[in-house]
Amino acid sequence: MTGPETAASAVVRPRLVSTLYVAFVLALGAAVVLGVLCVRHRQAETSIEAVDLAPSQTQQEAYAEVMKVADATVNGLINIDYRSPEDSYDAVAETATGSFLDDYKKSYDTLKKLVTQYKAEQTGQVNATAVSTIDANSAAVLVSADATVQNVQTGKQQQSRSYRVKVTVTQQDDGSWRTTDLEFVG
């Protein structure tokens, strides 16, 4: 070793090597931890059960069933004619249960009176349906529908209506799905 530069570099070099070694070990450890977390996350995503439904019912079938019930409920609500309001009532009641059905039954006489009094006719169709959330017992389904209404107040002129509805569907003890809540969201 000659001169002061060599002595200083001899002291710095082991520190530098030690620091780099520690940094390398920490980086390697972090990489291993991230790798393990990624693998676990991936396994969790691919091993989600079909919402713990009856063995014969797949997740895809559950989605289809809850969307079918939500569509039927909304179609029943938006298709009403003053000449036969009971058709709309029956369509909704067939898909409903619980407090939603109870409330609907209680309001039917008033609805029938208004529809008949104003000679209301509304025809519509569901445009889109999407499952927002689903688990073993319930699902939130978003439904978009358009309708055309005419009545005494519109001068029997047709007017367009758009509906955005959140339908809560619950699985019953017999395995069927029924509407338990309905909310107009936009």
N, C-alpha and C. Protein backbone atom coordinates (compact mmCIF):
# COMPACT_ATOMS: atom_id res chain seq x y z
N MET A 1 0.84 -1.17 0.00
CA MET A 1 0.00 0.00 0.00
C MET A 1 0.89 1.23 0.00
N THR A 2 0.66 2.05 -0.96
CA THR A 2 1.47 3.25 -1.05
C THR A 2 0.59 4.47 -0.97
N GLY A 3 0.94 5.39 -0.15
CA GLY A 3 0.29 6.69 -0.05
C GLY A 3 -1.03 6.65 0.68
N PRO A 4 -1.55 7.86 0.96
CA PRO A 4 -2.79 7.98 1.72
C PRO A 4 -4.02 7.54 0.93
N GLU A 5 -4.02 7.66 -0.39
CA GLU A 5 -5.19 7.27 -1.16
C GLU A 5 -5.43 5.77 -1.06
N THR A 6 -4.44 5.03 -1.06
CA THR A 6 -4.57 3.60 -1.00
C THR A 6 -5.07 3.15 0.36
N ALA A 7 -4.64 3.77 1.41
CA ALA A 7 -5.11 3.42 2.76
C ALA A 7 -6.58 3.77 2.93
N ALA A 8 -6.97 4.95 2.41
CA ALA A 8 -8.37 5.37 2.51
C ALA A 8 -9.27 4.47 1.69
N SER A 9 -8.82 4.11 0.50
CA SER A 9 -9.65 3.25 -0.34
C SER A 9 -9.72 1.85 0.23
N ALA A 10 -8.69 1.44 0.95
CA ALA A 10 -8.71 0.13 1.60
C ALA A 10 -9.76 0.09 2.70
N VAL A 11 -10.00 1.21 3.38
CA VAL A 11 -11.02 1.28 4.44
C VAL A 11 -12.41 1.42 3.81
N VAL A 12 -12.53 2.21 2.75
CA VAL A 12 -13.82 2.47 2.11
C VAL A 12 -14.32 1.22 1.38
N ARG A 13 -13.42 0.50 0.74
CA ARG A 13 -13.82 -0.66 -0.06
C ARG A 13 -14.57 -1.70 0.77
N PRO A 14 -14.11 -2.12 1.97
CA PRO A 14 -14.89 -3.09 2.74
C PRO A 14 -16.24 -2.53 3.18
N ARG A 15 -16.29 -1.23 3.49
CA ARG A 15 -17.59 -0.63 3.85
C ARG A 15 -18.53 -0.65 2.65
N LEU A 16 -18.01 -0.29 1.50
CA LEU A 16 -18.82 -0.27 0.29
C LEU A 16 -19.32 -1.67 -0.04
N VAL A 17 -18.43 -2.64 0.03
CA VAL A 17 -18.79 -4.02 -0.24
C VAL A 17 -19.84 -4.49 0.78
N SER A 18 -19.65 -4.16 2.04
CA SER A 18 -20.62 -4.54 3.09
C SER A 18 -21.97 -3.89 2.85
N THR A 19 -21.96 -2.61 2.50
CA THR A 19 -23.21 -1.88 2.23
C THR A 19 -23.92 -2.47 1.02
N LEU A 20 -23.19 -2.72 -0.04
CA LEU A 20 -23.79 -3.33 -1.23
C LEU A 20 -24.33 -4.72 -0.93
N TYR A 21 -23.62 -5.48 -0.16
CA TYR A 21 -24.06 -6.82 0.22
C TYR A 21 -25.38 -6.74 1.01
N VAL A 22 -25.46 -5.84 1.97
CA VAL A 22 -26.68 -5.68 2.78
C VAL A 22 -27.83 -5.24 1.88
N ALA A 23 -27.59 -4.27 0.98
CA ALA A 23 -28.62 -3.80 0.07
C ALA A 23 -29.11 -4.94 -0.83
N PHE A 24 -28.17 -5.75 -1.33
CA PHE A 24 -28.52 -6.88 -2.18
C PHE A 24 -29.38 -7.88 -1.43
N VAL A 25 -29.01 -8.21 -0.20
CA VAL A 25 -29.77 -9.16 0.61
C VAL A 25 -31.17 -8.63 0.89
N LEU A 26 -31.28 -7.33 1.21
CA LEU A 26 -32.60 -6.73 1.45
C LEU A 26 -33.46 -6.74 0.19
N ALA A 27 -32.88 -6.40 -0.95
CA ALA A 27 -33.61 -6.41 -2.21
C ALA A 27 -34.07 -7.82 -2.56
N LEU A 28 -33.19 -8.78 -2.35
CA LEU A 28 -33.53 -10.17 -2.62
C LEU A 28 -34.67 -10.63 -1.71
N GLY A 29 -34.59 -10.26 -0.44
CA GLY A 29 -35.66 -10.61 0.50
C GLY A 29 -36.99 -9.98 0.11
N ALA A 30 -36.95 -8.70 -0.29
CA ALA A 30 -38.18 -8.02 -0.72
C ALA A 30 -38.76 -8.69 -1.96
N ALA A 31 -37.90 -9.09 -2.89
CA ALA A 31 -38.36 -9.76 -4.10
C ALA A 31 -39.04 -11.09 -3.77
N VAL A 32 -38.46 -11.83 -2.84
CA VAL A 32 -39.06 -13.11 -2.42
C VAL A 32 -40.42 -12.87 -1.78
N VAL A 33 -40.50 -11.89 -0.88
CA VAL A 33 -41.78 -11.60 -0.22
C VAL A 33 -42.83 -11.18 -1.24
N LEU A 34 -42.50 -10.28 -2.17
CA LEU A 34 -43.44 -9.86 -3.21
C LEU A 34 -43.85 -11.03 -4.08
N GLY A 35 -42.92 -11.89 -4.41
CA GLY A 35 -43.24 -13.06 -5.22
C GLY A 35 -44.24 -13.97 -4.52
N VAL A 36 -44.01 -14.22 -3.24
CA VAL A 36 -44.93 -15.06 -2.46
C VAL A 36 -46.31 -14.42 -2.40
N LEU A 37 -46.37 -13.10 -2.16
CA LEU A 37 -47.66 -12.41 -2.10
C LEU A 37 -48.39 -12.47 -3.44
N CYS A 38 -47.67 -12.31 -4.54
CA CYS A 38 -48.30 -12.40 -5.86
C CYS A 38 -48.86 -13.80 -6.12
N VAL A 39 -48.09 -14.82 -5.78
CA VAL A 39 -48.55 -16.20 -5.97
C VAL A 39 -49.79 -16.46 -5.13
N ARG A 40 -49.79 -16.03 -3.88
CA ARG A 40 -50.96 -16.23 -3.01
C ARG A 40 -52.19 -15.50 -3.54
N HIS A 41 -51.99 -14.28 -4.00
CA HIS A 41 -53.10 -13.50 -4.55
C HIS A 41 -53.68 -14.20 -5.78
N ARG A 42 -52.81 -14.66 -6.64
CA ARG A 42 -53.23 -15.36 -7.85
C ARG A 42 -54.01 -16.64 -7.51
N GLN A 43 -53.52 -17.39 -6.52
CA GLN A 43 -54.21 -18.61 -6.09
C GLN A 43 -55.56 -18.28 -5.49
N ALA A 44 -55.65 -17.21 -4.75
CA ALA A 44 -56.93 -16.81 -4.14
C ALA A 44 -57.93 -16.43 -5.21
N GLU A 45 -57.48 -15.74 -6.27
CA GLU A 45 -58.38 -15.37 -7.35
C GLU A 45 -58.91 -16.58 -8.10
N THR A 46 -58.06 -17.54 -8.33
CA THR A 46 -58.47 -18.69 -9.13
C THR A 46 -59.19 -19.75 -8.32
N SER A 47 -59.17 -19.66 -7.00
CA SER A 47 -59.82 -20.69 -6.20
C SER A 47 -61.12 -20.23 -5.57
N ILE A 48 -61.65 -19.08 -6.00
CA ILE A 48 -62.92 -18.61 -5.45
C ILE A 48 -64.01 -19.59 -5.86
N GLU A 49 -64.75 -20.07 -4.91
CA GLU A 49 -65.81 -21.03 -5.18
C GLU A 49 -66.97 -20.34 -5.90
N ALA A 50 -67.84 -21.10 -6.48
CA ALA A 50 -69.00 -20.58 -7.20
C ALA A 50 -70.04 -20.09 -6.21
N VAL A 51 -69.72 -19.09 -5.47
CA VAL A 51 -70.54 -18.40 -4.47
C VAL A 51 -71.29 -19.35 -3.54
N ASP A 52 -70.71 -20.51 -3.25
CA ASP A 52 -71.24 -21.44 -2.27
C ASP A 52 -72.71 -21.76 -2.50
N LEU A 53 -73.06 -22.04 -3.74
CA LEU A 53 -74.43 -22.37 -4.09
C LEU A 53 -74.62 -23.87 -4.06
N ALA A 54 -75.82 -24.30 -4.38
CA ALA A 54 -76.10 -25.73 -4.47
C ALA A 54 -75.09 -26.36 -5.43
N PRO A 55 -74.67 -27.59 -5.19
CA PRO A 55 -73.61 -28.21 -5.99
C PRO A 55 -73.86 -28.18 -7.49
N SER A 56 -75.10 -28.25 -7.93
CA SER A 56 -75.37 -28.30 -9.36
C SER A 56 -75.42 -26.92 -10.00
N GLN A 57 -75.33 -25.90 -9.21
CA GLN A 57 -75.48 -24.55 -9.75
C GLN A 57 -74.12 -23.85 -9.81
N THR A 58 -73.67 -23.55 -10.99
CA THR A 58 -72.38 -22.88 -11.15
C THR A 58 -72.55 -21.38 -10.96
N GLN A 59 -71.43 -20.72 -10.84
CA GLN A 59 -71.48 -19.26 -10.67
C GLN A 59 -72.14 -18.61 -11.89
N GLN A 60 -71.83 -19.10 -13.06
CA GLN A 60 -72.43 -18.54 -14.27
C GLN A 60 -73.95 -18.71 -14.26
N GLU A 61 -74.41 -19.87 -13.82
CA GLU A 61 -75.85 -20.10 -13.72
C GLU A 61 -76.50 -19.17 -12.70
N ALA A 62 -75.80 -18.92 -11.60
CA ALA A 62 -76.33 -18.01 -10.58
C ALA A 62 -76.45 -16.60 -11.14
N TYR A 63 -75.43 -16.15 -11.86
CA TYR A 63 -75.50 -14.82 -12.48
C TYR A 63 -76.69 -14.75 -13.43
N ALA A 64 -76.86 -15.76 -14.26
CA ALA A 64 -77.96 -15.77 -15.22
C ALA A 64 -79.30 -15.74 -14.50
N GLU A 65 -79.43 -16.50 -13.44
CA GLU A 65 -80.70 -16.57 -12.71
C GLU A 65 -81.05 -15.24 -12.03
N VAL A 66 -80.10 -14.61 -11.37
CA VAL A 66 -80.40 -13.34 -10.70
C VAL A 66 -80.70 -12.25 -11.71
N MET A 67 -80.02 -12.28 -12.87
CA MET A 67 -80.33 -11.28 -13.91
C MET A 67 -81.72 -11.53 -14.49
N LYS A 68 -82.09 -12.78 -14.65
CA LYS A 68 -83.42 -13.12 -15.18
C LYS A 68 -84.52 -12.62 -14.24
N VAL A 69 -84.33 -12.82 -12.95
CA VAL A 69 -85.33 -12.36 -11.97
C VAL A 69 -85.41 -10.84 -11.96
N ALA A 70 -84.26 -10.15 -11.96
CA ALA A 70 -84.26 -8.69 -11.97
C ALA A 70 -84.93 -8.15 -13.24
N ASP A 71 -84.61 -8.75 -14.40
CA ASP A 71 -85.25 -8.35 -15.66
C ASP A 71 -86.76 -8.50 -15.58
N ALA A 72 -87.22 -9.64 -15.07
CA ALA A 72 -88.66 -9.90 -14.99
C ALA A 72 -89.35 -8.90 -14.06
N THR A 73 -88.72 -8.57 -12.95
CA THR A 73 -89.32 -7.60 -12.03
C THR A 73 -89.44 -6.23 -12.68
N VAL A 74 -88.36 -5.78 -13.29
CA VAL A 74 -88.38 -4.45 -13.94
C VAL A 74 -89.35 -4.45 -15.12
N ASN A 75 -89.35 -5.51 -15.92
CA ASN A 75 -90.30 -5.58 -17.04
C ASN A 75 -91.74 -5.52 -16.53
N GLY A 76 -92.02 -6.20 -15.43
CA GLY A 76 -93.36 -6.14 -14.85
C GLY A 76 -93.74 -4.74 -14.42
N LEU A 77 -92.78 -4.02 -13.88
CA LEU A 77 -93.05 -2.65 -13.42
C LEU A 77 -93.26 -1.67 -14.56
N ILE A 78 -92.47 -1.79 -15.62
CA ILE A 78 -92.53 -0.77 -16.67
C ILE A 78 -93.53 -1.06 -17.77
N ASN A 79 -94.11 -2.25 -17.78
CA ASN A 79 -95.12 -2.58 -18.77
C ASN A 79 -96.46 -2.67 -18.07
N ILE A 80 -97.23 -1.59 -18.21
CA ILE A 80 -98.52 -1.53 -17.52
C ILE A 80 -99.54 -0.86 -18.44
N ASP A 81 -100.75 -1.36 -18.38
CA ASP A 81 -101.83 -0.85 -19.21
C ASP A 81 -103.07 -0.68 -18.33
N TYR A 82 -103.71 0.47 -18.45
CA TYR A 82 -104.88 0.75 -17.61
C TYR A 82 -106.01 -0.25 -17.83
N ARG A 83 -106.04 -0.90 -18.99
CA ARG A 83 -107.11 -1.87 -19.28
C ARG A 83 -106.89 -3.19 -18.55
N SER A 84 -105.65 -3.48 -18.14
CA SER A 84 -105.37 -4.72 -17.41
C SER A 84 -104.16 -4.53 -16.48
N PRO A 85 -104.29 -3.67 -15.47
CA PRO A 85 -103.16 -3.42 -14.57
C PRO A 85 -102.75 -4.65 -13.77
N GLU A 86 -103.66 -5.60 -13.63
CA GLU A 86 -103.33 -6.81 -12.88
C GLU A 86 -102.24 -7.64 -13.56
N ASP A 87 -102.09 -7.50 -14.87
CA ASP A 87 -101.01 -8.22 -15.56
C ASP A 87 -99.64 -7.75 -15.06
N SER A 88 -99.49 -6.46 -14.90
CA SER A 88 -98.25 -5.90 -14.37
C SER A 88 -98.05 -6.34 -12.93
N TYR A 89 -99.13 -6.25 -12.16
CA TYR A 89 -99.07 -6.66 -10.75
C TYR A 89 -98.62 -8.12 -10.62
N ASP A 90 -99.26 -8.99 -11.41
CA ASP A 90 -98.93 -10.41 -11.34
C ASP A 90 -97.47 -10.67 -11.74
N ALA A 91 -96.98 -9.96 -12.74
CA ALA A 91 -95.60 -10.16 -13.20
C ALA A 91 -94.60 -9.78 -12.10
N VAL A 92 -94.87 -8.68 -11.40
CA VAL A 92 -93.97 -8.26 -10.32
C VAL A 92 -94.11 -9.21 -9.13
N ALA A 93 -95.33 -9.50 -8.74
CA ALA A 93 -95.57 -10.35 -7.57
C ALA A 93 -94.97 -11.74 -7.74
N GLU A 94 -94.94 -12.23 -8.96
CA GLU A 94 -94.38 -13.55 -9.24
C GLU A 94 -92.88 -13.62 -8.95
N THR A 95 -92.19 -12.49 -9.04
CA THR A 95 -90.74 -12.47 -8.85
C THR A 95 -90.32 -11.93 -7.49
N ALA A 96 -91.29 -11.49 -6.68
CA ALA A 96 -90.96 -10.76 -5.44
C ALA A 96 -91.24 -11.61 -4.19
N THR A 97 -90.67 -11.15 -3.09
CA THR A 97 -90.90 -11.79 -1.80
C THR A 97 -90.61 -10.80 -0.68
N GLY A 98 -90.92 -11.20 0.54
CA GLY A 98 -90.57 -10.41 1.72
C GLY A 98 -91.26 -9.06 1.79
N SER A 99 -90.58 -8.11 2.40
CA SER A 99 -91.16 -6.78 2.61
C SER A 99 -91.39 -6.06 1.28
N PHE A 100 -90.58 -6.34 0.27
CA PHE A 100 -90.81 -5.72 -1.04
C PHE A 100 -92.17 -6.16 -1.59
N LEU A 101 -92.46 -7.43 -1.53
CA LEU A 101 -93.75 -7.93 -1.99
C LEU A 101 -94.89 -7.37 -1.13
N ASP A 102 -94.69 -7.33 0.17
CA ASP A 102 -95.72 -6.77 1.06
C ASP A 102 -96.02 -5.32 0.72
N ASP A 103 -94.98 -4.52 0.54
CA ASP A 103 -95.16 -3.10 0.19
C ASP A 103 -95.83 -2.95 -1.17
N TYR A 104 -95.44 -3.79 -2.11
CA TYR A 104 -96.03 -3.74 -3.45
C TYR A 104 -97.52 -4.07 -3.39
N LYS A 105 -97.87 -5.10 -2.62
CA LYS A 105 -99.28 -5.46 -2.46
C LYS A 105 -100.08 -4.32 -1.85
N LYS A 106 -99.50 -3.67 -0.82
CA LYS A 106 -100.19 -2.56 -0.15
C LYS A 106 -100.42 -1.38 -1.09
N SER A 107 -99.50 -1.14 -2.00
CA SER A 107 -99.62 0.03 -2.88
C SER A 107 -100.39 -0.26 -4.16
N TYR A 108 -100.72 -1.51 -4.41
CA TYR A 108 -101.34 -1.88 -5.68
C TYR A 108 -102.69 -1.20 -5.91
N ASP A 109 -103.54 -1.14 -4.92
CA ASP A 109 -104.86 -0.52 -5.11
C ASP A 109 -104.73 0.94 -5.53
N THR A 110 -103.81 1.65 -4.91
CA THR A 110 -103.58 3.05 -5.28
C THR A 110 -103.02 3.15 -6.68
N LEU A 111 -102.06 2.30 -7.00
CA LEU A 111 -101.47 2.27 -8.33
C LEU A 111 -102.53 1.97 -9.39
N LYS A 112 -103.34 0.98 -9.12
CA LYS A 112 -104.40 0.58 -10.06
C LYS A 112 -105.37 1.74 -10.29
N LYS A 113 -105.74 2.42 -9.22
CA LYS A 113 -106.67 3.56 -9.31
C LYS A 113 -106.07 4.66 -10.19
N LEU A 114 -104.80 5.00 -9.96
CA LEU A 114 -104.15 6.07 -10.74
C LEU A 114 -103.99 5.68 -12.19
N VAL A 115 -103.54 4.45 -12.44
CA VAL A 115 -103.35 3.99 -13.81
C VAL A 115 -104.66 4.01 -14.58
N THR A 116 -105.72 3.58 -13.92
CA THR A 116 -107.04 3.56 -14.55
C THR A 116 -107.58 4.98 -14.75
N GLN A 117 -107.46 5.80 -13.72
CA GLN A 117 -107.95 7.19 -13.77
C GLN A 117 -107.28 7.98 -14.90
N TYR A 118 -105.97 7.82 -15.07
CA TYR A 118 -105.24 8.58 -16.08
C TYR A 118 -105.08 7.83 -17.40
N LYS A 119 -105.74 6.66 -17.50
CA LYS A 119 -105.68 5.85 -18.71
C LYS A 119 -104.22 5.69 -19.18
N ALA A 120 -103.40 5.28 -18.25
CA ALA A 120 -101.97 5.17 -18.52
C ALA A 120 -101.63 3.87 -19.24
N GLU A 121 -100.74 4.02 -20.20
CA GLU A 121 -100.19 2.88 -20.92
C GLU A 121 -98.68 3.10 -20.99
N GLN A 122 -97.95 2.13 -20.56
CA GLN A 122 -96.49 2.21 -20.66
C GLN A 122 -95.96 0.88 -21.14
N THR A 123 -95.16 0.95 -22.18
CA THR A 123 -94.49 -0.25 -22.67
C THR A 123 -92.99 0.02 -22.68
N GLY A 124 -92.25 -1.00 -22.32
CA GLY A 124 -90.81 -0.81 -22.27
C GLY A 124 -90.07 -2.11 -22.37
N GLN A 125 -88.76 -1.98 -22.33
CA GLN A 125 -87.91 -3.16 -22.38
C GLN A 125 -86.62 -2.89 -21.64
N VAL A 126 -86.07 -3.95 -21.12
CA VAL A 126 -84.78 -3.88 -20.45
C VAL A 126 -83.70 -3.83 -21.52
N ASN A 127 -82.78 -2.88 -21.38
CA ASN A 127 -81.68 -2.72 -22.34
C ASN A 127 -80.42 -3.45 -21.89
N ALA A 128 -80.16 -3.41 -20.60
CA ALA A 128 -78.93 -4.00 -20.09
C ALA A 128 -79.13 -4.39 -18.63
N THR A 129 -78.45 -5.47 -18.26
CA THR A 129 -78.49 -5.96 -16.89
C THR A 129 -77.08 -6.37 -16.51
N ALA A 130 -76.69 -6.02 -15.28
CA ALA A 130 -75.35 -6.39 -14.81
C ALA A 130 -75.41 -6.71 -13.32
N VAL A 131 -74.70 -7.76 -12.95
CA VAL A 131 -74.61 -8.12 -11.54
C VAL A 131 -73.54 -7.24 -10.91
N SER A 132 -73.94 -6.46 -9.92
CA SER A 132 -73.00 -5.59 -9.22
C SER A 132 -72.23 -6.37 -8.15
N THR A 133 -72.98 -7.10 -7.32
CA THR A 133 -72.37 -7.96 -6.31
C THR A 133 -73.21 -9.23 -6.19
N ILE A 134 -72.54 -10.30 -5.76
CA ILE A 134 -73.26 -11.55 -5.54
C ILE A 134 -72.52 -12.36 -4.49
N ASP A 135 -73.28 -13.01 -3.64
CA ASP A 135 -72.71 -13.97 -2.70
C ASP A 135 -73.65 -15.17 -2.64
N ALA A 136 -73.50 -16.00 -1.65
CA ALA A 136 -74.28 -17.24 -1.59
C ALA A 136 -75.77 -17.00 -1.43
N ASN A 137 -76.16 -15.86 -0.85
CA ASN A 137 -77.57 -15.64 -0.53
C ASN A 137 -78.22 -14.47 -1.21
N SER A 138 -77.45 -13.55 -1.76
CA SER A 138 -78.07 -12.36 -2.34
C SER A 138 -77.21 -11.79 -3.45
N ALA A 139 -77.85 -10.93 -4.25
CA ALA A 139 -77.15 -10.25 -5.34
C ALA A 139 -77.76 -8.88 -5.53
N ALA A 140 -76.93 -7.94 -5.92
CA ALA A 140 -77.38 -6.62 -6.34
C ALA A 140 -77.23 -6.57 -7.85
N VAL A 141 -78.33 -6.28 -8.53
CA VAL A 141 -78.36 -6.29 -9.99
C VAL A 141 -78.75 -4.91 -10.48
N LEU A 142 -77.99 -4.38 -11.42
CA LEU A 142 -78.28 -3.08 -12.01
C LEU A 142 -78.98 -3.30 -13.34
N VAL A 143 -80.10 -2.59 -13.52
CA VAL A 143 -80.92 -2.78 -14.71
C VAL A 143 -81.16 -1.42 -15.37
N SER A 144 -80.97 -1.38 -16.68
CA SER A 144 -81.26 -0.19 -17.47
C SER A 144 -82.42 -0.53 -18.39
N ALA A 145 -83.44 0.34 -18.40
CA ALA A 145 -84.61 0.08 -19.22
C ALA A 145 -85.14 1.38 -19.81
N ASP A 146 -85.76 1.27 -20.96
CA ASP A 146 -86.42 2.41 -21.61
C ASP A 146 -87.87 2.06 -21.81
N ALA A 147 -88.72 3.08 -21.75
CA ALA A 147 -90.15 2.86 -21.92
C ALA A 147 -90.78 4.06 -22.62
N THR A 148 -91.96 3.82 -23.14
CA THR A 148 -92.76 4.88 -23.73
C THR A 148 -94.08 4.89 -22.98
N VAL A 149 -94.47 6.09 -22.51
CA VAL A 149 -95.69 6.22 -21.74
C VAL A 149 -96.62 7.21 -22.43
N GLN A 150 -97.90 6.93 -22.31
CA GLN A 150 -98.92 7.89 -22.73
C GLN A 150 -100.08 7.77 -21.77
N ASN A 151 -100.68 8.91 -21.47
CA ASN A 151 -101.82 8.94 -20.57
C ASN A 151 -102.59 10.24 -20.78
N VAL A 152 -103.61 10.46 -19.99
CA VAL A 152 -104.42 11.66 -20.10
C VAL A 152 -103.56 12.91 -19.92
N GLN A 153 -102.63 12.89 -18.99
CA GLN A 153 -101.78 14.05 -18.73
C GLN A 153 -100.84 14.38 -19.88
N THR A 154 -100.46 13.40 -20.67
CA THR A 154 -99.58 13.66 -21.82
C THR A 154 -100.40 13.97 -23.07
N GLY A 155 -101.73 14.07 -22.91
CA GLY A 155 -102.59 14.29 -24.07
C GLY A 155 -102.55 13.10 -25.01
N LYS A 156 -102.33 11.95 -24.43
CA LYS A 156 -102.19 10.69 -25.17
C LYS A 156 -101.01 10.72 -26.15
N GLN A 157 -100.11 11.69 -25.95
CA GLN A 157 -98.87 11.74 -26.73
C GLN A 157 -97.84 10.85 -26.04
N GLN A 158 -97.11 10.11 -26.83
CA GLN A 158 -96.09 9.23 -26.25
C GLN A 158 -94.89 10.04 -25.77
N GLN A 159 -94.40 9.67 -24.59
CA GLN A 159 -93.20 10.28 -24.04
C GLN A 159 -92.24 9.17 -23.64
N SER A 160 -90.97 9.42 -23.90
CA SER A 160 -89.93 8.42 -23.57
C SER A 160 -89.52 8.55 -22.12
N ARG A 161 -89.23 7.42 -21.53
CA ARG A 161 -88.73 7.37 -20.15
C ARG A 161 -87.53 6.42 -20.12
N SER A 162 -86.55 6.77 -19.32
CA SER A 162 -85.40 5.89 -19.09
C SER A 162 -85.32 5.59 -17.61
N TYR A 163 -85.09 4.34 -17.29
CA TYR A 163 -85.03 3.91 -15.89
C TYR A 163 -83.69 3.24 -15.63
N ARG A 164 -83.12 3.56 -14.48
CA ARG A 164 -81.93 2.87 -13.98
C ARG A 164 -82.32 2.36 -12.61
N VAL A 165 -82.25 1.06 -12.43
CA VAL A 165 -82.80 0.42 -11.23
C VAL A 165 -81.77 -0.52 -10.61
N LYS A 166 -81.70 -0.48 -9.29
CA LYS A 166 -80.90 -1.46 -8.56
C LYS A 166 -81.89 -2.43 -7.91
N VAL A 167 -81.77 -3.69 -8.27
CA VAL A 167 -82.66 -4.73 -7.77
C VAL A 167 -81.86 -5.65 -6.85
N THR A 168 -82.34 -5.84 -5.64
CA THR A 168 -81.72 -6.79 -4.73
C THR A 168 -82.48 -8.10 -4.83
N VAL A 169 -81.75 -9.16 -5.11
CA VAL A 169 -82.33 -10.48 -5.30
C VAL A 169 -81.76 -11.40 -4.22
N THR A 170 -82.63 -12.18 -3.58
CA THR A 170 -82.21 -13.06 -2.49
C THR A 170 -82.60 -14.50 -2.81
N GLN A 171 -81.68 -15.41 -2.50
CA GLN A 171 -81.97 -16.82 -2.72
C GLN A 171 -82.86 -17.35 -1.60
N GLN A 172 -83.91 -18.06 -1.98
CA GLN A 172 -84.88 -18.59 -1.04
C GLN A 172 -84.47 -20.00 -0.58
N ASP A 173 -85.15 -20.50 0.43
CA ASP A 173 -84.84 -21.83 0.96
C ASP A 173 -84.97 -22.93 -0.09
N ASP A 174 -85.87 -22.72 -1.06
CA ASP A 174 -86.06 -23.74 -2.10
C ASP A 174 -85.03 -23.61 -3.24
N GLY A 175 -84.10 -22.64 -3.11
CA GLY A 175 -83.07 -22.45 -4.13
C GLY A 175 -83.41 -21.42 -5.18
N SER A 176 -84.68 -20.99 -5.23
CA SER A 176 -85.07 -19.98 -6.21
C SER A 176 -84.60 -18.60 -5.75
N TRP A 177 -84.54 -17.68 -6.68
CA TRP A 177 -84.15 -16.30 -6.39
C TRP A 177 -85.37 -15.41 -6.53
N ARG A 178 -85.53 -14.45 -5.61
CA ARG A 178 -86.67 -13.53 -5.63
C ARG A 178 -86.20 -12.12 -5.32
N THR A 179 -86.92 -11.15 -5.87
CA THR A 179 -86.62 -9.74 -5.61
C THR A 179 -87.06 -9.38 -4.19
N THR A 180 -86.13 -8.80 -3.44
CA THR A 180 -86.44 -8.38 -2.07
C THR A 180 -86.35 -6.88 -1.88
N ASP A 181 -85.82 -6.17 -2.88
CA ASP A 181 -85.76 -4.72 -2.80
C ASP A 181 -85.54 -4.17 -4.21
N LEU A 182 -86.02 -2.95 -4.41
CA LEU A 182 -85.88 -2.30 -5.71
C LEU A 182 -85.71 -0.81 -5.45
N GLU A 183 -84.73 -0.23 -6.12
CA GLU A 183 -84.44 1.19 -5.91
C GLU A 183 -84.13 1.84 -7.25
N PHE A 184 -84.85 2.94 -7.56
CA PHE A 184 -84.55 3.70 -8.76
C PHE A 184 -83.31 4.54 -8.46
N VAL A 185 -82.28 4.39 -9.29
CA VAL A 185 -81.01 5.04 -9.00
C VAL A 185 -80.63 6.13 -9.99
N GLY A 186 -81.43 6.37 -10.96
CA GLY A 186 -81.08 7.44 -11.89
C GLY A 186 -82.03 7.55 -13.03
